[in-house]
Amino acid sequence: MAMPSDIRAFNRSVIEEFRANNGRVSDERLRHAPLVLLTTIGVRTGQPRTTPLAYFSDGASRIVLWASALAALAHPAWYRNLVANPRVTIELATDTGVVTRLDGTASTAQGAQRDRLFGILKAVNPGAAAHQDRTDREIPLVVVDYVD
């Protein structure tokens, strides 16, 4: 399935549906993916910016995001925002079907940590991992440690 032509409108609708339905969304592309809403502070605006993203867990109180932007030439805006200000907020759906809002700190995985996490990404989401083969930039893997 192709991504929508207006990604901002698509993201807004996913955010609204996620919040209204305890972390569940109906879009076929996202329905079975573990989703998180990541809120960063905009580098240029200083305003909060929320983006729906897929993730995987890496132990208790830690998730991993990948800044692929579908293998775009440049890093996505949310990644540039968290590099400038690593304090983020995430909204996660819990096992009990409630969305929890948590404060966290983001960092970019490097070296052996990135290699280990990329191996996990290949196992849990081979399609996302394949984006690395379609771009010359190294897709950042972002670790978000949060307070539960």
N, C-alpha and C. Protein backbone atom coordinates (compact mmCIF):
# COMPACT_ATOMS: atom_id res chain seq x y z
N MET A 1 0.82 -1.19 0.00
CA MET A 1 0.00 0.00 0.00
C MET A 1 0.87 1.25 0.00
N ALA A 2 0.49 2.20 -0.80
CA ALA A 2 1.22 3.46 -0.86
C ALA A 2 0.84 4.34 0.33
N MET A 3 1.80 5.16 0.72
CA MET A 3 1.51 6.11 1.80
C MET A 3 0.64 7.23 1.23
N PRO A 4 -0.14 7.87 2.07
CA PRO A 4 -1.00 8.96 1.60
C PRO A 4 -0.18 10.15 1.09
N SER A 5 -0.78 10.92 0.19
CA SER A 5 -0.06 12.06 -0.38
C SER A 5 0.12 13.20 0.64
N ASP A 6 -0.80 13.33 1.60
CA ASP A 6 -0.68 14.36 2.63
C ASP A 6 -0.35 13.68 3.96
N ILE A 7 0.93 13.49 4.21
CA ILE A 7 1.36 12.75 5.39
C ILE A 7 0.99 13.46 6.69
N ARG A 8 0.98 14.79 6.68
CA ARG A 8 0.61 15.52 7.90
C ARG A 8 -0.84 15.27 8.27
N ALA A 9 -1.73 15.30 7.29
CA ALA A 9 -3.15 15.02 7.55
C ALA A 9 -3.32 13.58 8.01
N PHE A 10 -2.59 12.66 7.37
CA PHE A 10 -2.64 11.26 7.77
C PHE A 10 -2.19 11.09 9.22
N ASN A 11 -1.06 11.72 9.58
CA ASN A 11 -0.56 11.62 10.95
C ASN A 11 -1.55 12.20 11.95
N ARG A 12 -2.16 13.34 11.62
CA ARG A 12 -3.16 13.93 12.52
C ARG A 12 -4.32 12.96 12.76
N SER A 13 -4.77 12.30 11.71
CA SER A 13 -5.89 11.36 11.87
C SER A 13 -5.47 10.14 12.70
N VAL A 14 -4.25 9.67 12.52
CA VAL A 14 -3.75 8.54 13.32
C VAL A 14 -3.65 8.95 14.79
N ILE A 15 -3.14 10.14 15.06
CA ILE A 15 -3.01 10.62 16.44
C ILE A 15 -4.39 10.71 17.11
N GLU A 16 -5.35 11.29 16.41
CA GLU A 16 -6.70 11.42 16.95
C GLU A 16 -7.31 10.06 17.24
N GLU A 17 -7.18 9.13 16.29
CA GLU A 17 -7.75 7.80 16.47
C GLU A 17 -7.05 7.03 17.59
N PHE A 18 -5.73 7.13 17.67
CA PHE A 18 -4.95 6.49 18.72
C PHE A 18 -5.45 6.93 20.09
N ARG A 19 -5.60 8.24 20.26
CA ARG A 19 -6.04 8.79 21.55
C ARG A 19 -7.49 8.44 21.85
N ALA A 20 -8.33 8.41 20.84
CA ALA A 20 -9.76 8.14 21.06
C ALA A 20 -10.04 6.66 21.29
N ASN A 21 -9.16 5.77 20.82
CA ASN A 21 -9.43 4.33 20.87
C ASN A 21 -8.39 3.55 21.67
N ASN A 22 -7.83 4.20 22.70
CA ASN A 22 -6.90 3.52 23.61
C ASN A 22 -5.74 2.85 22.88
N GLY A 23 -5.16 3.58 21.94
CA GLY A 23 -3.96 3.11 21.26
C GLY A 23 -4.21 2.26 20.04
N ARG A 24 -5.45 2.06 19.67
CA ARG A 24 -5.76 1.26 18.48
C ARG A 24 -6.09 2.19 17.31
N VAL A 25 -5.64 1.77 16.12
CA VAL A 25 -5.97 2.50 14.89
C VAL A 25 -6.48 1.51 13.86
N SER A 26 -7.29 2.01 12.93
CA SER A 26 -7.92 1.11 11.96
C SER A 26 -7.18 1.01 10.64
N ASP A 27 -6.24 1.93 10.37
CA ASP A 27 -5.53 1.90 9.10
C ASP A 27 -4.82 0.57 8.91
N GLU A 28 -5.03 -0.04 7.77
CA GLU A 28 -4.48 -1.38 7.47
C GLU A 28 -2.97 -1.44 7.63
N ARG A 29 -2.27 -0.37 7.27
CA ARG A 29 -0.81 -0.35 7.35
C ARG A 29 -0.30 -0.34 8.78
N LEU A 30 -1.13 0.14 9.71
CA LEU A 30 -0.68 0.35 11.09
C LEU A 30 -1.39 -0.50 12.12
N ARG A 31 -2.47 -1.14 11.73
CA ARG A 31 -3.33 -1.84 12.68
C ARG A 31 -2.60 -2.85 13.56
N HIS A 32 -1.63 -3.56 13.02
CA HIS A 32 -0.96 -4.61 13.79
C HIS A 32 0.43 -4.20 14.29
N ALA A 33 0.82 -2.97 14.00
CA ALA A 33 2.14 -2.49 14.44
C ALA A 33 2.02 -1.91 15.85
N PRO A 34 3.02 -2.16 16.69
CA PRO A 34 3.03 -1.46 17.98
C PRO A 34 3.32 0.02 17.72
N LEU A 35 2.41 0.88 18.16
CA LEU A 35 2.54 2.30 17.88
C LEU A 35 2.76 3.09 19.16
N VAL A 36 3.47 4.18 19.00
CA VAL A 36 3.70 5.13 20.07
C VAL A 36 3.49 6.51 19.47
N LEU A 37 3.01 7.42 20.30
CA LEU A 37 2.99 8.83 19.90
C LEU A 37 4.17 9.48 20.57
N LEU A 38 5.06 10.05 19.77
CA LEU A 38 6.26 10.71 20.26
C LEU A 38 6.06 12.21 20.16
N THR A 39 6.24 12.91 21.27
CA THR A 39 6.15 14.36 21.26
C THR A 39 7.52 14.94 21.54
N THR A 40 7.99 15.74 20.59
CA THR A 40 9.27 16.45 20.70
C THR A 40 8.97 17.94 20.71
N ILE A 41 9.98 18.73 20.97
CA ILE A 41 9.86 20.18 20.87
C ILE A 41 10.53 20.62 19.57
N GLY A 42 9.78 21.32 18.74
CA GLY A 42 10.29 21.75 17.44
C GLY A 42 11.52 22.63 17.56
N VAL A 43 12.53 22.32 16.78
CA VAL A 43 13.79 23.07 16.80
C VAL A 43 13.56 24.54 16.46
N ARG A 44 12.81 24.79 15.41
CA ARG A 44 12.60 26.17 14.96
C ARG A 44 11.47 26.87 15.70
N THR A 45 10.43 26.13 16.07
CA THR A 45 9.24 26.78 16.63
C THR A 45 9.20 26.79 18.15
N GLY A 46 9.87 25.84 18.78
CA GLY A 46 9.77 25.70 20.23
C GLY A 46 8.43 25.12 20.67
N GLN A 47 7.62 24.68 19.72
CA GLN A 47 6.29 24.14 20.01
C GLN A 47 6.32 22.61 20.02
N PRO A 48 5.44 21.98 20.81
CA PRO A 48 5.39 20.52 20.82
C PRO A 48 4.92 19.98 19.47
N ARG A 49 5.56 18.90 19.04
CA ARG A 49 5.24 18.23 17.78
C ARG A 49 5.05 16.74 18.06
N THR A 50 3.90 16.21 17.69
CA THR A 50 3.60 14.80 17.96
C THR A 50 3.59 14.02 16.66
N THR A 51 4.24 12.86 16.69
CA THR A 51 4.36 12.00 15.52
C THR A 51 4.02 10.56 15.92
N PRO A 52 3.15 9.88 15.16
CA PRO A 52 2.92 8.46 15.42
C PRO A 52 4.04 7.64 14.78
N LEU A 53 4.59 6.70 15.55
CA LEU A 53 5.70 5.89 15.07
C LEU A 53 5.54 4.45 15.53
N ALA A 54 6.07 3.54 14.74
CA ALA A 54 6.18 2.15 15.19
C ALA A 54 7.41 2.05 16.09
N TYR A 55 7.41 1.06 16.96
CA TYR A 55 8.52 0.88 17.89
C TYR A 55 8.66 -0.59 18.25
N PHE A 56 9.76 -0.91 18.93
CA PHE A 56 9.85 -2.18 19.62
C PHE A 56 10.44 -1.93 21.00
N SER A 57 10.14 -2.83 21.93
CA SER A 57 10.64 -2.70 23.30
C SER A 57 12.02 -3.31 23.39
N ASP A 58 12.83 -2.71 24.26
CA ASP A 58 14.17 -3.24 24.54
C ASP A 58 14.33 -3.28 26.06
N GLY A 59 13.56 -4.14 26.67
CA GLY A 59 13.58 -4.26 28.12
C GLY A 59 12.55 -3.35 28.75
N ALA A 60 12.53 -3.36 30.07
CA ALA A 60 11.58 -2.56 30.82
C ALA A 60 11.92 -1.07 30.67
N SER A 61 10.91 -0.27 30.45
CA SER A 61 11.04 1.19 30.39
C SER A 61 11.97 1.69 29.30
N ARG A 62 12.00 0.97 28.17
CA ARG A 62 12.85 1.40 27.05
C ARG A 62 12.20 0.94 25.74
N ILE A 63 12.06 1.89 24.81
CA ILE A 63 11.60 1.55 23.48
C ILE A 63 12.62 2.02 22.47
N VAL A 64 12.52 1.46 21.26
CA VAL A 64 13.44 1.81 20.17
C VAL A 64 12.61 2.24 18.97
N LEU A 65 13.00 3.38 18.41
CA LEU A 65 12.38 3.94 17.21
C LEU A 65 13.42 3.97 16.11
N TRP A 66 13.00 4.00 14.86
CA TRP A 66 13.96 4.11 13.76
C TRP A 66 13.56 5.32 12.92
N ALA A 67 14.55 6.16 12.64
CA ALA A 67 14.32 7.42 11.93
C ALA A 67 14.51 7.23 10.43
N SER A 68 13.69 6.35 9.87
CA SER A 68 13.81 6.00 8.46
C SER A 68 13.20 7.03 7.53
N ALA A 69 11.99 7.49 7.86
CA ALA A 69 11.23 8.35 6.95
C ALA A 69 11.10 7.67 5.58
N LEU A 70 10.85 6.36 5.63
CA LEU A 70 10.71 5.55 4.42
C LEU A 70 11.93 5.66 3.51
N ALA A 71 13.11 5.69 4.11
CA ALA A 71 14.40 5.73 3.40
C ALA A 71 14.63 7.06 2.69
N ALA A 72 14.04 8.12 3.19
CA ALA A 72 14.24 9.45 2.60
C ALA A 72 15.72 9.84 2.67
N LEU A 73 16.08 10.84 1.89
CA LEU A 73 17.46 11.30 1.85
C LEU A 73 17.90 11.99 3.14
N ALA A 74 16.95 12.60 3.85
CA ALA A 74 17.27 13.34 5.08
C ALA A 74 16.55 12.72 6.27
N HIS A 75 17.08 12.95 7.44
CA HIS A 75 16.43 12.50 8.67
C HIS A 75 15.08 13.20 8.82
N PRO A 76 14.12 12.52 9.43
CA PRO A 76 12.81 13.15 9.65
C PRO A 76 12.91 14.28 10.68
N ALA A 77 11.96 15.20 10.63
CA ALA A 77 11.96 16.35 11.54
C ALA A 77 11.93 15.92 13.00
N TRP A 78 11.17 14.88 13.32
CA TRP A 78 11.09 14.46 14.73
C TRP A 78 12.45 14.06 15.26
N TYR A 79 13.29 13.48 14.40
CA TYR A 79 14.63 13.09 14.84
C TYR A 79 15.50 14.33 15.07
N ARG A 80 15.45 15.27 14.16
CA ARG A 80 16.22 16.51 14.34
C ARG A 80 15.78 17.23 15.62
N ASN A 81 14.48 17.19 15.91
CA ASN A 81 13.97 17.82 17.12
C ASN A 81 14.55 17.16 18.38
N LEU A 82 14.57 15.84 18.42
CA LEU A 82 15.03 15.19 19.66
C LEU A 82 16.55 15.22 19.80
N VAL A 83 17.27 15.36 18.70
CA VAL A 83 18.72 15.56 18.80
C VAL A 83 18.98 16.91 19.49
N ALA A 84 18.20 17.92 19.12
CA ALA A 84 18.37 19.25 19.72
C ALA A 84 17.88 19.29 21.17
N ASN A 85 16.85 18.50 21.48
CA ASN A 85 16.29 18.45 22.83
C ASN A 85 15.84 17.02 23.11
N PRO A 86 16.66 16.23 23.80
CA PRO A 86 16.37 14.81 24.00
C PRO A 86 15.24 14.49 25.00
N ARG A 87 14.69 15.50 25.66
CA ARG A 87 13.55 15.28 26.55
C ARG A 87 12.30 15.14 25.69
N VAL A 88 11.63 14.00 25.78
CA VAL A 88 10.46 13.71 24.95
C VAL A 88 9.33 13.20 25.83
N THR A 89 8.15 13.15 25.26
CA THR A 89 7.01 12.50 25.89
C THR A 89 6.53 11.43 24.93
N ILE A 90 6.17 10.28 25.47
CA ILE A 90 5.60 9.22 24.64
C ILE A 90 4.23 8.85 25.19
N GLU A 91 3.38 8.41 24.30
CA GLU A 91 2.08 7.87 24.68
C GLU A 91 2.05 6.43 24.19
N LEU A 92 1.94 5.51 25.15
CA LEU A 92 1.95 4.08 24.88
C LEU A 92 0.63 3.45 25.32
N ALA A 93 0.15 2.50 24.56
CA ALA A 93 -1.00 1.72 24.98
C ALA A 93 -0.51 0.60 25.91
N THR A 94 -1.14 0.45 27.05
CA THR A 94 -0.74 -0.58 27.99
C THR A 94 -1.47 -1.89 27.69
N ASP A 95 -1.06 -2.95 28.37
CA ASP A 95 -1.72 -4.25 28.20
C ASP A 95 -3.19 -4.19 28.63
N THR A 96 -3.52 -3.25 29.49
CA THR A 96 -4.90 -3.12 29.96
C THR A 96 -5.75 -2.27 29.03
N GLY A 97 -5.18 -1.80 27.92
CA GLY A 97 -5.93 -1.04 26.94
C GLY A 97 -6.09 0.43 27.29
N VAL A 98 -5.16 0.96 28.07
CA VAL A 98 -5.19 2.37 28.43
C VAL A 98 -3.93 3.02 27.87
N VAL A 99 -4.07 4.22 27.35
CA VAL A 99 -2.91 4.95 26.86
C VAL A 99 -2.28 5.69 28.03
N THR A 100 -0.98 5.47 28.21
CA THR A 100 -0.23 6.11 29.28
C THR A 100 0.73 7.12 28.67
N ARG A 101 0.78 8.30 29.28
CA ARG A 101 1.69 9.36 28.84
C ARG A 101 2.90 9.36 29.77
N LEU A 102 4.10 9.24 29.18
CA LEU A 102 5.32 9.10 29.96
C LEU A 102 6.40 10.05 29.47
N ASP A 103 7.18 10.58 30.40
CA ASP A 103 8.32 11.42 30.05
C ASP A 103 9.54 10.53 29.82
N GLY A 104 10.36 10.91 28.85
CA GLY A 104 11.53 10.11 28.55
C GLY A 104 12.69 10.94 28.04
N THR A 105 13.80 10.24 27.89
CA THR A 105 15.01 10.83 27.33
C THR A 105 15.43 9.98 26.14
N ALA A 106 15.68 10.65 25.02
CA ALA A 106 16.04 9.95 23.79
C ALA A 106 17.53 10.07 23.52
N SER A 107 18.10 9.01 22.98
CA SER A 107 19.50 9.02 22.55
C SER A 107 19.63 8.16 21.30
N THR A 108 20.62 8.46 20.49
CA THR A 108 20.86 7.70 19.27
C THR A 108 21.82 6.57 19.57
N ALA A 109 21.42 5.36 19.23
CA ALA A 109 22.27 4.19 19.45
C ALA A 109 23.50 4.27 18.55
N GLN A 110 24.64 3.89 19.10
CA GLN A 110 25.91 3.92 18.36
C GLN A 110 26.60 2.57 18.47
N GLY A 111 27.48 2.27 17.53
CA GLY A 111 28.38 1.12 17.61
C GLY A 111 27.68 -0.20 17.87
N ALA A 112 28.18 -0.94 18.86
CA ALA A 112 27.66 -2.27 19.17
C ALA A 112 26.20 -2.23 19.58
N GLN A 113 25.79 -1.16 20.28
CA GLN A 113 24.39 -1.05 20.67
C GLN A 113 23.51 -0.93 19.43
N ARG A 114 23.92 -0.10 18.47
CA ARG A 114 23.15 0.04 17.23
C ARG A 114 23.10 -1.28 16.48
N ASP A 115 24.23 -1.98 16.40
CA ASP A 115 24.27 -3.26 15.70
C ASP A 115 23.29 -4.25 16.33
N ARG A 116 23.28 -4.31 17.65
CA ARG A 116 22.37 -5.24 18.36
C ARG A 116 20.92 -4.86 18.09
N LEU A 117 20.61 -3.57 18.20
CA LEU A 117 19.24 -3.13 17.99
C LEU A 117 18.80 -3.27 16.54
N PHE A 118 19.72 -3.07 15.59
CA PHE A 118 19.36 -3.26 14.19
C PHE A 118 19.05 -4.73 13.92
N GLY A 119 19.76 -5.63 14.58
CA GLY A 119 19.45 -7.06 14.46
C GLY A 119 18.05 -7.37 14.96
N ILE A 120 17.65 -6.73 16.05
CA ILE A 120 16.29 -6.91 16.56
C ILE A 120 15.28 -6.34 15.58
N LEU A 121 15.56 -5.15 15.04
CA LEU A 121 14.66 -4.54 14.06
C LEU A 121 14.48 -5.46 12.86
N LYS A 122 15.56 -6.06 12.38
CA LYS A 122 15.46 -7.00 11.25
C LYS A 122 14.53 -8.16 11.58
N ALA A 123 14.58 -8.62 12.83
CA ALA A 123 13.75 -9.76 13.23
C ALA A 123 12.28 -9.37 13.40
N VAL A 124 12.02 -8.20 14.00
CA VAL A 124 10.64 -7.83 14.30
C VAL A 124 9.95 -7.06 13.18
N ASN A 125 10.73 -6.39 12.33
CA ASN A 125 10.15 -5.60 11.25
C ASN A 125 11.12 -5.56 10.06
N PRO A 126 11.24 -6.68 9.34
CA PRO A 126 12.21 -6.73 8.24
C PRO A 126 11.95 -5.67 7.17
N GLY A 127 10.71 -5.28 6.95
CA GLY A 127 10.41 -4.26 5.96
C GLY A 127 11.02 -2.91 6.34
N ALA A 128 10.94 -2.56 7.62
CA ALA A 128 11.54 -1.30 8.08
C ALA A 128 13.06 -1.38 8.01
N ALA A 129 13.62 -2.51 8.39
CA ALA A 129 15.07 -2.68 8.35
C ALA A 129 15.58 -2.56 6.91
N ALA A 130 14.78 -3.01 5.95
CA ALA A 130 15.19 -2.96 4.54
C ALA A 130 15.32 -1.53 4.02
N HIS A 131 14.74 -0.57 4.74
CA HIS A 131 14.90 0.83 4.32
C HIS A 131 16.38 1.22 4.30
N GLN A 132 17.18 0.61 5.18
CA GLN A 132 18.61 0.95 5.23
C GLN A 132 19.29 0.69 3.88
N ASP A 133 18.83 -0.33 3.17
CA ASP A 133 19.42 -0.66 1.87
C ASP A 133 19.02 0.32 0.77
N ARG A 134 18.02 1.16 1.05
CA ARG A 134 17.51 2.07 0.03
C ARG A 134 17.97 3.51 0.22
N THR A 135 18.89 3.73 1.17
CA THR A 135 19.39 5.08 1.39
C THR A 135 20.88 5.04 1.72
N ASP A 136 21.57 6.12 1.40
CA ASP A 136 23.00 6.20 1.71
C ASP A 136 23.25 6.65 3.14
N ARG A 137 22.28 7.28 3.78
CA ARG A 137 22.47 7.72 5.16
C ARG A 137 22.26 6.55 6.12
N GLU A 138 22.94 6.59 7.24
CA GLU A 138 22.69 5.58 8.27
C GLU A 138 21.40 5.97 8.99
N ILE A 139 20.43 5.08 8.96
CA ILE A 139 19.17 5.35 9.63
C ILE A 139 19.39 5.28 11.13
N PRO A 140 19.14 6.38 11.83
CA PRO A 140 19.34 6.36 13.28
C PRO A 140 18.34 5.46 13.99
N LEU A 141 18.84 4.74 14.97
CA LEU A 141 17.98 3.99 15.89
C LEU A 141 17.98 4.78 17.18
N VAL A 142 16.80 5.14 17.63
CA VAL A 142 16.64 6.01 18.79
C VAL A 142 16.14 5.20 19.97
N VAL A 143 16.86 5.28 21.06
CA VAL A 143 16.47 4.62 22.30
C VAL A 143 15.79 5.67 23.18
N VAL A 144 14.58 5.36 23.62
CA VAL A 144 13.86 6.26 24.53
C VAL A 144 13.73 5.53 25.86
N ASP A 145 14.43 6.04 26.86
CA ASP A 145 14.30 5.55 28.23
C ASP A 145 13.24 6.42 28.89
N TYR A 146 12.24 5.77 29.49
CA TYR A 146 11.16 6.54 30.08
C TYR A 146 10.93 6.14 31.54
N VAL A 147 10.29 7.04 32.25
CA VAL A 147 9.95 6.81 33.65
C VAL A 147 8.55 6.27 33.67
N ASP A 148 8.41 5.05 34.20
CA ASP A 148 7.12 4.38 34.25
C ASP A 148 6.33 4.76 35.48
